[in-house]
């Protein structure tokens, strides 16, 4: 088996408690040496939790390490919504336009 292709971007749906806040969660994720940038956005809030989208970019993201950091901060990954694997980022294709 050949060399494993690096994971460049991961987008996660993460459910987290109100504390730590998204700033602290983002900083915790950036402590990983393979992570270059993190974007955390809240899209829903209830009495005890926040639903967030977490976008991580890096040289070769170690998903197991990311999961550990999320878990250590009292949060849980609901889904992996996007990954970019390879030597460079793929340019997204816009959704099809209806030709009515």
Protein backbone atom coordinates (compact mmCIF):
# COMPACT_ATOMS: atom_id res chain seq x y z
CA UNK A 1 0.00 0.00 0.00
CA UNK A 2 1.32 3.45 -0.96
CA UNK A 3 1.64 6.64 1.02
CA UNK A 4 -1.56 7.81 2.66
CA UNK A 5 -3.05 11.02 1.21
CA UNK A 6 -3.11 13.91 3.74
CA UNK A 7 -6.41 15.21 5.14
CA UNK A 8 -6.45 18.97 4.46
CA UNK A 9 -9.93 20.07 5.59
CA UNK A 10 -12.58 18.56 7.85
CA UNK A 11 -16.02 20.06 8.55
CA UNK A 12 -17.77 18.70 11.64
CA UNK A 13 -21.18 19.12 13.21
CA UNK A 14 -20.41 19.37 16.95
CA UNK A 15 -22.80 19.58 19.89
CA UNK A 16 -21.14 21.31 22.85
CA UNK A 17 -22.10 22.65 26.27
CA UNK A 18 -22.12 26.45 26.67
CA UNK A 19 -18.75 26.18 28.41
CA UNK A 20 -16.11 26.12 27.10
CA UNK A 21 -17.17 28.86 24.69
CA UNK A 22 -16.40 28.60 20.96
CA UNK A 23 -13.29 30.76 21.33
CA UNK A 24 -11.79 28.31 23.83
CA UNK A 25 -12.83 25.28 21.74
CA UNK A 26 -11.21 26.82 18.65
CA UNK A 27 -8.02 27.55 20.55
CA UNK A 28 -7.93 24.01 21.95
CA UNK A 29 -8.22 22.56 18.44
CA UNK A 30 -5.43 24.86 17.19
CA UNK A 31 -3.07 23.37 19.79
CA UNK A 32 -2.75 20.29 17.57
CA UNK A 33 0.47 20.64 15.55
CA UNK A 34 -1.20 19.55 12.28
CA UNK A 35 -4.00 22.13 12.53
CA UNK A 36 -3.44 25.46 10.79
CA UNK A 37 -6.85 27.16 11.08
CA UNK A 38 -10.18 26.59 12.84
CA UNK A 39 -13.57 28.20 12.22
CA UNK A 40 -16.34 27.54 14.78
CA UNK A 41 -19.85 28.86 14.11
CA UNK A 42 -22.91 28.45 16.33
CA UNK A 43 -26.11 27.70 14.41
CA UNK A 44 -28.49 26.70 17.25
CA UNK A 45 -28.67 27.26 21.00
CA UNK A 46 -30.84 25.63 23.64
CA UNK A 47 -30.89 25.70 27.43
CA UNK A 48 -27.76 23.58 27.94
CA UNK A 49 -26.00 23.19 24.57
CA UNK A 50 -24.88 24.85 21.35
CA UNK A 51 -24.88 23.21 17.91
CA UNK A 52 -21.79 24.25 15.97
CA UNK A 53 -20.11 23.78 12.61
CA UNK A 54 -16.37 23.35 13.04
CA UNK A 55 -14.13 23.74 9.99
CA UNK A 56 -10.52 22.65 10.45
CA UNK A 57 -7.72 23.07 7.92
CA UNK A 58 -4.23 21.69 8.23
CA UNK A 59 -1.25 19.87 6.78
CA UNK A 60 -2.45 16.36 7.61
CA UNK A 61 -5.29 16.41 10.13
CA UNK A 62 -5.36 13.48 12.56
CA UNK A 63 -9.09 12.85 13.05
CA UNK A 64 -8.54 10.71 16.16
CA UNK A 65 -6.65 13.58 17.82
CA UNK A 66 -9.38 16.06 16.82
CA UNK A 67 -12.04 13.75 18.29
CA UNK A 68 -10.05 13.52 21.53
CA UNK A 69 -9.82 17.32 21.81
CA UNK A 70 -13.56 17.66 21.16
CA UNK A 71 -14.34 14.96 23.75
CA UNK A 72 -11.96 16.53 26.30
CA UNK A 73 -13.94 19.77 25.98
CA UNK A 74 -17.23 18.04 26.83
CA UNK A 75 -18.53 18.08 23.26
CA UNK A 76 -19.56 15.36 20.83
CA UNK A 77 -19.15 15.04 17.07
CA UNK A 78 -22.56 14.44 15.47
CA UNK A 79 -21.28 14.05 11.92
CA UNK A 80 -18.43 14.59 9.51
CA UNK A 81 -19.97 16.87 6.89
CA UNK A 82 -17.03 17.43 4.53
CA UNK A 83 -13.45 16.28 4.00
CA UNK A 84 -10.77 17.37 1.57
CA UNK A 85 -8.01 14.81 1.08
CA UNK A 86 -4.99 15.09 -1.18
CA UNK A 87 -2.22 17.41 -2.22
CA UNK A 88 -4.34 20.51 -2.75
CA UNK A 89 -7.86 21.75 -2.00
CA UNK A 90 -10.58 20.97 -4.51
CA UNK A 91 -12.48 23.98 -5.83
CA UNK A 92 -16.17 23.44 -4.98
CA UNK A 93 -18.62 23.20 -7.84
CA UNK A 94 -21.68 25.47 -7.45
CA UNK A 95 -25.08 23.77 -7.22
CA UNK A 96 -26.86 23.18 -10.49
CA UNK A 97 -28.90 26.10 -11.71
CA UNK A 98 -32.46 25.29 -12.74
CA UNK A 99 -33.04 26.06 -16.41
CA UNK A 100 -36.80 26.65 -16.25
